[in-house]
Amino acid sequence: MSEKKNLPEPARHGINFAFREKLDAMAEGFRHNYCYQCGACVADCPAGLYSKTFNPRLIMLKAILGFEDELIGPDTEIWNCTNCYTCSERCPQDVRPVDVIIAMKNLCVKEGKAPDLVTTVSDTVFEAGITTKVTSLAERRRQELGLGPIKQYPVEDLKKITRRD
């Protein structure tokens, strides 16, 4: 019994099926169910090479077990994923770990648990259609260099598609 003290909450009481169901409902989030922990996703992961905490195999294991508190939040290791798709290319089960991680990132955004920077960039995209705000200095510099104005994007269409008003 004492060995269970150091385990995260879901491991002490079993699998967190509620989190698994939330993840299953996200686009491509269900794929974690097929992971058999072979480790192929870790072998060439660029984020894993540069981060001591990032390991797609462990992220998949935590998803399988329902470690919601360790995966969903602004400071979790999922934000270290570069979305390079190397893990998906290596996976023999077609789990596509990057898609599961993206589903978890989307869940963070949906629940208001994304890092502030992600929220800021997302808000900027919905305001301007691009990831950075165009300042008067940028416009003036573009004019000095003989560049045309920055293209305007159909932000209203984007809001309709994503159901964000």
N, C-alpha and C. Protein backbone atom coordinates (compact mmCIF):
# COMPACT_ATOMS: atom_id res chain seq x y z
N MET A 1 0.82 -1.20 0.00
CA MET A 1 0.00 0.00 0.00
C MET A 1 0.86 1.26 0.00
N SER A 2 2.00 1.24 0.70
CA SER A 2 2.83 2.44 0.77
C SER A 2 3.40 2.83 -0.58
N GLU A 3 3.61 1.89 -1.50
CA GLU A 3 4.15 2.22 -2.82
C GLU A 3 3.17 3.05 -3.64
N LYS A 4 1.91 3.05 -3.32
CA LYS A 4 0.92 3.84 -4.06
C LYS A 4 0.94 5.31 -3.65
N LYS A 5 1.57 5.66 -2.55
CA LYS A 5 1.60 7.05 -2.10
C LYS A 5 2.24 7.98 -3.11
N ASN A 6 3.29 7.54 -3.79
CA ASN A 6 4.04 8.39 -4.70
C ASN A 6 3.44 8.46 -6.10
N LEU A 7 2.42 7.69 -6.38
CA LEU A 7 1.82 7.68 -7.70
C LEU A 7 0.84 8.84 -7.86
N PRO A 8 0.70 9.35 -9.09
CA PRO A 8 -0.32 10.39 -9.33
C PRO A 8 -1.71 9.86 -8.99
N GLU A 9 -2.61 10.76 -8.75
CA GLU A 9 -3.97 10.41 -8.31
C GLU A 9 -4.66 9.32 -9.14
N PRO A 10 -4.68 9.39 -10.48
CA PRO A 10 -5.37 8.34 -11.24
C PRO A 10 -4.77 6.95 -11.02
N ALA A 11 -3.45 6.89 -10.83
CA ALA A 11 -2.81 5.58 -10.64
C ALA A 11 -3.17 4.98 -9.30
N ARG A 12 -3.46 5.82 -8.33
CA ARG A 12 -3.85 5.31 -7.01
C ARG A 12 -5.25 4.73 -7.03
N HIS A 13 -6.10 5.28 -7.87
CA HIS A 13 -7.51 4.90 -7.86
C HIS A 13 -7.99 4.29 -9.17
N GLY A 14 -7.08 4.00 -10.07
CA GLY A 14 -7.47 3.42 -11.35
C GLY A 14 -7.42 4.45 -12.46
N ILE A 15 -7.86 4.05 -13.60
CA ILE A 15 -7.82 4.89 -14.79
C ILE A 15 -8.90 5.97 -14.72
N ASN A 16 -8.54 7.16 -15.15
CA ASN A 16 -9.47 8.29 -15.20
C ASN A 16 -10.23 8.22 -16.53
N PHE A 17 -11.31 7.50 -16.53
CA PHE A 17 -12.08 7.29 -17.76
C PHE A 17 -12.75 8.58 -18.24
N ALA A 18 -13.07 9.48 -17.33
CA ALA A 18 -13.71 10.74 -17.74
C ALA A 18 -12.77 11.53 -18.64
N PHE A 19 -11.49 11.58 -18.28
CA PHE A 19 -10.52 12.29 -19.13
C PHE A 19 -10.36 11.57 -20.47
N ARG A 20 -10.30 10.26 -20.43
CA ARG A 20 -10.16 9.50 -21.68
C ARG A 20 -11.34 9.78 -22.61
N GLU A 21 -12.53 9.90 -22.05
CA GLU A 21 -13.71 10.19 -22.87
C GLU A 21 -13.63 11.60 -23.46
N LYS A 22 -13.15 12.56 -22.66
CA LYS A 22 -12.97 13.93 -23.18
C LYS A 22 -11.97 13.93 -24.33
N LEU A 23 -10.88 13.20 -24.14
CA LEU A 23 -9.86 13.14 -25.18
C LEU A 23 -10.39 12.40 -26.41
N ASP A 24 -11.15 11.34 -26.20
CA ASP A 24 -11.75 10.59 -27.31
C ASP A 24 -12.66 11.47 -28.16
N ALA A 25 -13.31 12.46 -27.53
CA ALA A 25 -14.26 13.32 -28.22
C ALA A 25 -13.56 14.39 -29.08
N MET A 26 -12.29 14.63 -28.82
CA MET A 26 -11.54 15.62 -29.60
C MET A 26 -11.10 14.98 -30.91
N ALA A 27 -10.98 15.77 -31.96
CA ALA A 27 -10.53 15.26 -33.25
C ALA A 27 -9.18 14.56 -33.09
N GLU A 28 -9.11 13.33 -33.51
CA GLU A 28 -7.91 12.48 -33.45
C GLU A 28 -7.46 12.13 -32.03
N GLY A 29 -8.16 12.61 -31.01
CA GLY A 29 -7.77 12.32 -29.63
C GLY A 29 -7.92 10.85 -29.26
N PHE A 30 -8.81 10.15 -29.94
CA PHE A 30 -9.08 8.74 -29.63
C PHE A 30 -7.89 7.84 -29.92
N ARG A 31 -6.96 8.30 -30.72
CA ARG A 31 -5.86 7.46 -31.18
C ARG A 31 -4.99 6.92 -30.05
N HIS A 32 -4.96 7.60 -28.91
CA HIS A 32 -4.12 7.12 -27.81
C HIS A 32 -4.52 5.71 -27.38
N ASN A 33 -5.74 5.33 -27.64
CA ASN A 33 -6.23 4.01 -27.25
C ASN A 33 -5.48 2.87 -27.94
N TYR A 34 -4.83 3.16 -29.06
CA TYR A 34 -4.15 2.11 -29.83
C TYR A 34 -2.65 2.00 -29.52
N CYS A 35 -2.13 2.85 -28.68
CA CYS A 35 -0.70 2.85 -28.37
C CYS A 35 -0.34 1.64 -27.52
N TYR A 36 0.66 0.88 -27.96
CA TYR A 36 1.11 -0.24 -27.14
C TYR A 36 2.51 -0.01 -26.57
N GLN A 37 2.92 1.24 -26.50
CA GLN A 37 4.12 1.66 -25.80
C GLN A 37 5.42 1.06 -26.34
N CYS A 38 5.54 0.97 -27.66
CA CYS A 38 6.75 0.41 -28.26
C CYS A 38 7.95 1.34 -28.16
N GLY A 39 7.69 2.65 -28.12
CA GLY A 39 8.76 3.63 -28.01
C GLY A 39 9.28 4.15 -29.34
N ALA A 40 8.73 3.71 -30.46
CA ALA A 40 9.20 4.18 -31.76
C ALA A 40 9.07 5.70 -31.88
N CYS A 41 8.10 6.29 -31.24
CA CYS A 41 7.86 7.72 -31.33
C CYS A 41 8.98 8.56 -30.69
N VAL A 42 9.72 7.95 -29.79
CA VAL A 42 10.74 8.68 -29.05
C VAL A 42 12.06 8.74 -29.82
N ALA A 43 12.34 7.73 -30.63
CA ALA A 43 13.66 7.55 -31.24
C ALA A 43 14.20 8.77 -31.96
N ASP A 44 13.42 9.42 -32.78
CA ASP A 44 13.90 10.56 -33.57
C ASP A 44 13.21 11.86 -33.21
N CYS A 45 12.54 11.90 -32.10
CA CYS A 45 11.78 13.10 -31.71
C CYS A 45 12.73 14.27 -31.45
N PRO A 46 12.66 15.35 -32.26
CA PRO A 46 13.55 16.48 -32.03
C PRO A 46 13.31 17.17 -30.69
N ALA A 47 12.06 17.26 -30.26
CA ALA A 47 11.78 17.89 -28.97
C ALA A 47 12.38 17.07 -27.83
N GLY A 48 12.32 15.75 -27.97
CA GLY A 48 12.89 14.86 -26.96
C GLY A 48 14.40 14.98 -26.87
N LEU A 49 15.05 15.32 -27.98
CA LEU A 49 16.50 15.49 -27.98
C LEU A 49 16.94 16.71 -27.17
N TYR A 50 16.07 17.73 -27.13
CA TYR A 50 16.44 18.99 -26.49
C TYR A 50 15.74 19.25 -25.16
N SER A 51 14.83 18.39 -24.79
CA SER A 51 14.09 18.58 -23.54
C SER A 51 14.20 17.33 -22.68
N LYS A 52 14.56 17.52 -21.45
CA LYS A 52 14.67 16.38 -20.53
C LYS A 52 13.30 15.86 -20.11
N THR A 53 12.27 16.66 -20.25
CA THR A 53 10.94 16.24 -19.79
C THR A 53 10.04 15.75 -20.92
N PHE A 54 10.38 16.04 -22.17
CA PHE A 54 9.47 15.68 -23.26
C PHE A 54 9.75 14.27 -23.76
N ASN A 55 8.70 13.44 -23.72
CA ASN A 55 8.79 12.06 -24.18
C ASN A 55 7.42 11.65 -24.70
N PRO A 56 7.23 11.55 -26.03
CA PRO A 56 5.90 11.23 -26.55
C PRO A 56 5.34 9.90 -26.07
N ARG A 57 6.20 8.92 -25.82
CA ARG A 57 5.72 7.62 -25.32
C ARG A 57 5.10 7.79 -23.94
N LEU A 58 5.74 8.55 -23.08
CA LEU A 58 5.19 8.78 -21.74
C LEU A 58 3.92 9.61 -21.79
N ILE A 59 3.86 10.54 -22.72
CA ILE A 59 2.64 11.34 -22.88
C ILE A 59 1.49 10.42 -23.29
N MET A 60 1.75 9.50 -24.20
CA MET A 60 0.71 8.55 -24.62
C MET A 60 0.29 7.66 -23.44
N LEU A 61 1.25 7.22 -22.63
CA LEU A 61 0.92 6.40 -21.47
C LEU A 61 0.05 7.19 -20.48
N LYS A 62 0.41 8.44 -20.24
CA LYS A 62 -0.38 9.28 -19.35
C LYS A 62 -1.78 9.50 -19.91
N ALA A 63 -1.89 9.62 -21.23
CA ALA A 63 -3.21 9.77 -21.85
C ALA A 63 -4.04 8.50 -21.67
N ILE A 64 -3.40 7.35 -21.85
CA ILE A 64 -4.09 6.06 -21.68
C ILE A 64 -4.60 5.92 -20.25
N LEU A 65 -3.79 6.33 -19.29
CA LEU A 65 -4.16 6.19 -17.88
C LEU A 65 -5.05 7.32 -17.39
N GLY A 66 -5.15 8.38 -18.17
CA GLY A 66 -6.04 9.48 -17.79
C GLY A 66 -5.42 10.48 -16.84
N PHE A 67 -4.14 10.74 -16.96
CA PHE A 67 -3.46 11.69 -16.08
C PHE A 67 -3.75 13.12 -16.53
N GLU A 68 -4.98 13.50 -16.42
CA GLU A 68 -5.43 14.81 -16.89
C GLU A 68 -4.64 15.96 -16.28
N ASP A 69 -4.43 15.93 -14.98
CA ASP A 69 -3.74 17.03 -14.31
C ASP A 69 -2.30 17.20 -14.79
N GLU A 70 -1.69 16.11 -15.25
CA GLU A 70 -0.30 16.19 -15.73
C GLU A 70 -0.22 16.58 -17.21
N LEU A 71 -1.32 16.47 -17.92
CA LEU A 71 -1.30 16.74 -19.36
C LEU A 71 -2.03 18.01 -19.77
N ILE A 72 -3.04 18.40 -19.04
CA ILE A 72 -3.87 19.53 -19.43
C ILE A 72 -3.55 20.72 -18.52
N GLY A 73 -2.87 21.70 -19.09
CA GLY A 73 -2.51 22.89 -18.34
C GLY A 73 -1.47 23.71 -19.09
N PRO A 74 -1.23 24.92 -18.63
CA PRO A 74 -0.31 25.82 -19.34
C PRO A 74 1.16 25.43 -19.22
N ASP A 75 1.52 24.63 -18.23
CA ASP A 75 2.92 24.30 -18.00
C ASP A 75 3.24 22.83 -18.22
N THR A 76 2.40 22.11 -18.94
CA THR A 76 2.65 20.68 -19.13
C THR A 76 3.58 20.44 -20.30
N GLU A 77 4.12 19.22 -20.35
CA GLU A 77 5.11 18.90 -21.38
C GLU A 77 4.55 18.87 -22.80
N ILE A 78 3.24 18.82 -22.97
CA ILE A 78 2.69 18.78 -24.33
C ILE A 78 3.06 20.02 -25.13
N TRP A 79 3.30 21.13 -24.46
CA TRP A 79 3.62 22.38 -25.15
C TRP A 79 5.03 22.37 -25.71
N ASN A 80 5.85 21.38 -25.35
CA ASN A 80 7.19 21.25 -25.91
C ASN A 80 7.18 20.55 -27.26
N CYS A 81 6.06 19.99 -27.65
CA CYS A 81 5.96 19.31 -28.94
C CYS A 81 6.04 20.33 -30.07
N THR A 82 6.89 20.03 -31.06
CA THR A 82 7.07 20.95 -32.18
C THR A 82 6.11 20.68 -33.33
N ASN A 83 5.26 19.67 -33.19
CA ASN A 83 4.30 19.29 -34.23
C ASN A 83 5.01 18.95 -35.54
N CYS A 84 6.14 18.25 -35.45
CA CYS A 84 6.91 17.91 -36.65
C CYS A 84 6.43 16.63 -37.33
N TYR A 85 5.63 15.84 -36.65
CA TYR A 85 5.04 14.60 -37.17
C TYR A 85 6.03 13.44 -37.31
N THR A 86 7.25 13.59 -36.78
CA THR A 86 8.21 12.49 -36.83
C THR A 86 7.66 11.28 -36.08
N CYS A 87 7.05 11.50 -34.94
CA CYS A 87 6.50 10.39 -34.14
C CYS A 87 5.43 9.63 -34.92
N SER A 88 4.63 10.37 -35.64
CA SER A 88 3.56 9.73 -36.41
C SER A 88 4.11 8.91 -37.57
N GLU A 89 5.19 9.40 -38.15
CA GLU A 89 5.82 8.66 -39.25
C GLU A 89 6.45 7.37 -38.77
N ARG A 90 6.89 7.34 -37.52
CA ARG A 90 7.56 6.16 -36.97
C ARG A 90 6.61 5.15 -36.33
N CYS A 91 5.41 5.55 -36.00
CA CYS A 91 4.49 4.70 -35.22
C CYS A 91 3.97 3.51 -36.04
N PRO A 92 4.24 2.27 -35.58
CA PRO A 92 3.76 1.10 -36.31
C PRO A 92 2.26 0.85 -36.15
N GLN A 93 1.64 1.52 -35.20
CA GLN A 93 0.21 1.34 -34.94
C GLN A 93 -0.65 2.45 -35.53
N ASP A 94 -0.02 3.42 -36.20
CA ASP A 94 -0.72 4.57 -36.75
C ASP A 94 -1.46 5.35 -35.67
N VAL A 95 -0.84 5.40 -34.48
CA VAL A 95 -1.43 6.14 -33.36
C VAL A 95 -1.38 7.64 -33.63
N ARG A 96 -0.35 8.09 -34.32
CA ARG A 96 -0.14 9.51 -34.60
C ARG A 96 -0.08 10.32 -33.31
N PRO A 97 0.95 10.08 -32.50
CA PRO A 97 1.06 10.80 -31.22
C PRO A 97 0.91 12.31 -31.34
N VAL A 98 1.43 12.90 -32.42
CA VAL A 98 1.32 14.35 -32.58
C VAL A 98 -0.15 14.77 -32.66
N ASP A 99 -0.99 13.97 -33.30
CA ASP A 99 -2.41 14.31 -33.38
C ASP A 99 -3.07 14.24 -32.01
N VAL A 100 -2.65 13.28 -31.19
CA VAL A 100 -3.18 13.17 -29.83
C VAL A 100 -2.71 14.37 -29.02
N ILE A 101 -1.46 14.76 -29.18
CA ILE A 101 -0.93 15.92 -28.46
C ILE A 101 -1.64 17.19 -28.91
N ILE A 102 -1.89 17.33 -30.20
CA ILE A 102 -2.64 18.49 -30.69
C ILE A 102 -4.06 18.48 -30.11
N ALA A 103 -4.67 17.31 -30.01
CA ALA A 103 -6.00 17.22 -29.39
C ALA A 103 -5.94 17.69 -27.95
N MET A 104 -4.87 17.32 -27.23
CA MET A 104 -4.73 17.78 -25.84
C MET A 104 -4.50 19.28 -25.78
N LYS A 105 -3.74 19.82 -26.72
CA LYS A 105 -3.54 21.27 -26.76
C LYS A 105 -4.88 21.97 -27.01
N ASN A 106 -5.67 21.41 -27.92
CA ASN A 106 -6.99 21.99 -28.19
C ASN A 106 -7.89 21.90 -26.97
N LEU A 107 -7.78 20.81 -26.23
CA LEU A 107 -8.55 20.66 -25.00
C LEU A 107 -8.13 21.72 -23.98
N CYS A 108 -6.83 21.98 -23.91
CA CYS A 108 -6.34 23.05 -23.01
C CYS A 108 -6.97 24.39 -23.38
N VAL A 109 -6.99 24.69 -24.67
CA VAL A 109 -7.57 25.96 -25.13
C VAL A 109 -9.05 25.99 -24.80
N LYS A 110 -9.74 24.90 -25.10
CA LYS A 110 -11.18 24.83 -24.86
C LYS A 110 -11.52 25.04 -23.38
N GLU A 111 -10.68 24.53 -22.49
CA GLU A 111 -10.92 24.64 -21.05
C GLU A 111 -10.25 25.86 -20.43
N GLY A 112 -9.65 26.72 -21.25
CA GLY A 112 -9.00 27.92 -20.72
C GLY A 112 -7.73 27.62 -19.94
N LYS A 113 -7.03 26.55 -20.30
CA LYS A 113 -5.82 26.14 -19.58
C LYS A 113 -4.58 26.19 -20.46
N ALA A 114 -4.63 26.96 -21.53
CA ALA A 114 -3.48 27.09 -22.42
C ALA A 114 -2.54 28.17 -21.87
N PRO A 115 -1.27 28.12 -22.26
CA PRO A 115 -0.35 29.19 -21.85
C PRO A 115 -0.82 30.54 -22.38
N ASP A 116 -0.50 31.59 -21.67
CA ASP A 116 -0.92 32.94 -22.07
C ASP A 116 -0.48 33.28 -23.48
N LEU A 117 0.73 32.87 -23.87
CA LEU A 117 1.22 33.19 -25.21
C LEU A 117 0.34 32.56 -26.29
N VAL A 118 -0.10 31.33 -26.07
CA VAL A 118 -0.97 30.66 -27.04
C VAL A 118 -2.28 31.42 -27.18
N THR A 119 -2.83 31.83 -26.07
CA THR A 119 -4.08 32.58 -26.08
C THR A 119 -3.90 33.92 -26.80
N THR A 120 -2.78 34.58 -26.55
CA THR A 120 -2.50 35.87 -27.19
C THR A 120 -2.38 35.70 -28.71
N VAL A 121 -1.63 34.70 -29.15
CA VAL A 121 -1.46 34.47 -30.59
C VAL A 121 -2.80 34.10 -31.22
N SER A 122 -3.55 33.25 -30.54
CA SER A 122 -4.86 32.84 -31.06
C SER A 122 -5.79 34.04 -31.20
N ASP A 123 -5.81 34.89 -30.20
CA ASP A 123 -6.65 36.09 -30.27
C ASP A 123 -6.22 36.99 -31.42
N THR A 124 -4.91 37.11 -31.65
CA THR A 124 -4.40 37.93 -32.74
C THR A 124 -4.83 37.37 -34.09
N VAL A 125 -4.82 36.06 -34.25
CA VAL A 125 -5.26 35.44 -35.50
C VAL A 125 -6.72 35.79 -35.76
N PHE A 126 -7.55 35.76 -34.71
CA PHE A 126 -8.96 36.06 -34.90
C PHE A 126 -9.22 37.56 -35.11
N GLU A 127 -8.27 38.39 -34.73
CA GLU A 127 -8.40 39.83 -34.98
C GLU A 127 -7.89 40.22 -36.36
N ALA A 128 -6.73 39.65 -36.75
CA ALA A 128 -6.07 40.12 -37.96
C ALA A 128 -5.91 39.05 -39.04
N GLY A 129 -6.12 37.79 -38.70
CA GLY A 129 -5.95 36.72 -39.67
C GLY A 129 -4.52 36.22 -39.78
N ILE A 130 -3.61 36.83 -39.02
CA ILE A 130 -2.21 36.41 -38.98
C ILE A 130 -1.76 36.37 -37.53
N THR A 131 -0.58 35.78 -37.28
CA THR A 131 -0.16 35.54 -35.89
C THR A 131 0.46 36.73 -35.19
N THR A 132 0.79 37.77 -35.93
CA THR A 132 1.35 38.96 -35.30
C THR A 132 0.56 40.20 -35.69
N LYS A 133 0.51 41.14 -34.80
CA LYS A 133 -0.19 42.38 -35.11
C LYS A 133 0.68 43.25 -36.00
N VAL A 134 0.05 43.88 -36.96
CA VAL A 134 0.76 44.77 -37.87
C VAL A 134 0.74 46.16 -37.26
N THR A 135 1.90 46.66 -36.95
CA THR A 135 2.01 47.98 -36.32
C THR A 135 2.19 49.06 -37.39
N SER A 136 2.01 50.28 -36.99
CA SER A 136 2.23 51.39 -37.94
C SER A 136 3.70 51.44 -38.35
N LEU A 137 4.60 51.05 -37.47
CA LEU A 137 6.02 51.00 -37.81
C LEU A 137 6.28 49.98 -38.91
N ALA A 138 5.67 48.81 -38.81
CA ALA A 138 5.83 47.77 -39.84
C ALA A 138 5.27 48.26 -41.17
N GLU A 139 4.13 48.91 -41.13
CA GLU A 139 3.53 49.43 -42.36
C GLU A 139 4.43 50.50 -43.00
N ARG A 140 4.96 51.39 -42.17
CA ARG A 140 5.83 52.45 -42.67
C ARG A 140 7.12 51.85 -43.26
N ARG A 141 7.69 50.87 -42.59
CA ARG A 141 8.92 50.23 -43.07
C ARG A 141 8.68 49.49 -44.39
N ARG A 142 7.54 48.82 -44.50
CA ARG A 142 7.19 48.13 -45.75
C ARG A 142 7.09 49.15 -46.89
N GLN A 143 6.49 50.30 -46.60
CA GLN A 143 6.34 51.34 -47.61
C GLN A 143 7.72 51.87 -48.04
N GLU A 144 8.62 52.07 -47.05
CA GLU A 144 9.98 52.54 -47.35
C GLU A 144 10.72 51.54 -48.24
N LEU A 145 10.48 50.28 -48.05
CA LEU A 145 11.16 49.23 -48.81
C LEU A 145 10.47 48.91 -50.13
N GLY A 146 9.37 49.61 -50.40
CA GLY A 146 8.64 49.39 -51.64
C GLY A 146 7.79 48.13 -51.63
N LEU A 147 7.47 47.66 -50.47
CA LEU A 147 6.61 46.47 -50.35
C LEU A 147 5.15 46.90 -50.26
N GLY A 148 4.30 46.09 -50.76
CA GLY A 148 2.87 46.39 -50.70
C GLY A 148 2.33 46.18 -49.29
N PRO A 149 1.08 46.56 -49.10
CA PRO A 149 0.47 46.36 -47.78
C PRO A 149 0.32 44.86 -47.49
N ILE A 150 0.27 44.54 -46.23
CA ILE A 150 0.09 43.14 -45.82
C ILE A 150 -1.33 42.72 -46.19
N LYS A 151 -1.42 41.55 -46.75
CA LYS A 151 -2.69 41.02 -47.21
C LYS A 151 -3.71 40.96 -46.07
N GLN A 152 -4.92 41.32 -46.38
CA GLN A 152 -6.02 41.22 -45.42
C GLN A 152 -6.66 39.84 -45.55
N TYR A 153 -6.96 39.23 -44.46
CA TYR A 153 -7.55 37.89 -44.47
C TYR A 153 -9.00 37.95 -44.01
N PRO A 154 -9.82 37.03 -44.50
CA PRO A 154 -11.25 37.03 -44.15
C PRO A 154 -11.49 36.52 -42.73
N VAL A 155 -11.24 37.38 -41.77
CA VAL A 155 -11.35 37.01 -40.36
C VAL A 155 -12.76 36.56 -40.01
N GLU A 156 -13.75 37.20 -40.58
CA GLU A 156 -15.15 36.83 -40.29
C GLU A 156 -15.43 35.39 -40.73
N ASP A 157 -14.87 34.99 -41.87
CA ASP A 157 -15.03 33.60 -42.33
C ASP A 157 -14.36 32.64 -41.36
N LEU A 158 -13.19 33.01 -40.89
CA LEU A 158 -12.47 32.18 -39.92
C LEU A 158 -13.28 32.01 -38.64
N LYS A 159 -13.89 33.11 -38.19
CA LYS A 159 -14.72 33.04 -36.98
C LYS A 159 -15.93 32.14 -37.19
N LYS A 160 -16.54 32.19 -38.38
CA LYS A 160 -17.69 31.33 -38.68
C LYS A 160 -17.28 29.87 -38.70
N ILE A 161 -16.17 29.58 -39.37
CA ILE A 161 -15.69 28.20 -39.49
C ILE A 161 -15.40 27.60 -38.12
N THR A 162 -14.78 28.40 -37.25
CA THR A 162 -14.39 27.91 -35.93
C THR A 162 -15.46 28.16 -34.86
N ARG A 163 -16.54 28.77 -35.28
CA ARG A 163 -17.66 29.09 -34.36
C ARG A 163 -17.22 29.96 -33.19
N ARG A 164 -16.35 30.90 -33.52
CA ARG A 164 -15.86 31.83 -32.50
C ARG A 164 -16.39 33.21 -32.84
N ASP A 165 -17.12 33.78 -31.95
CA ASP A 165 -17.68 35.12 -32.19
C ASP A 165 -17.09 36.15 -31.28
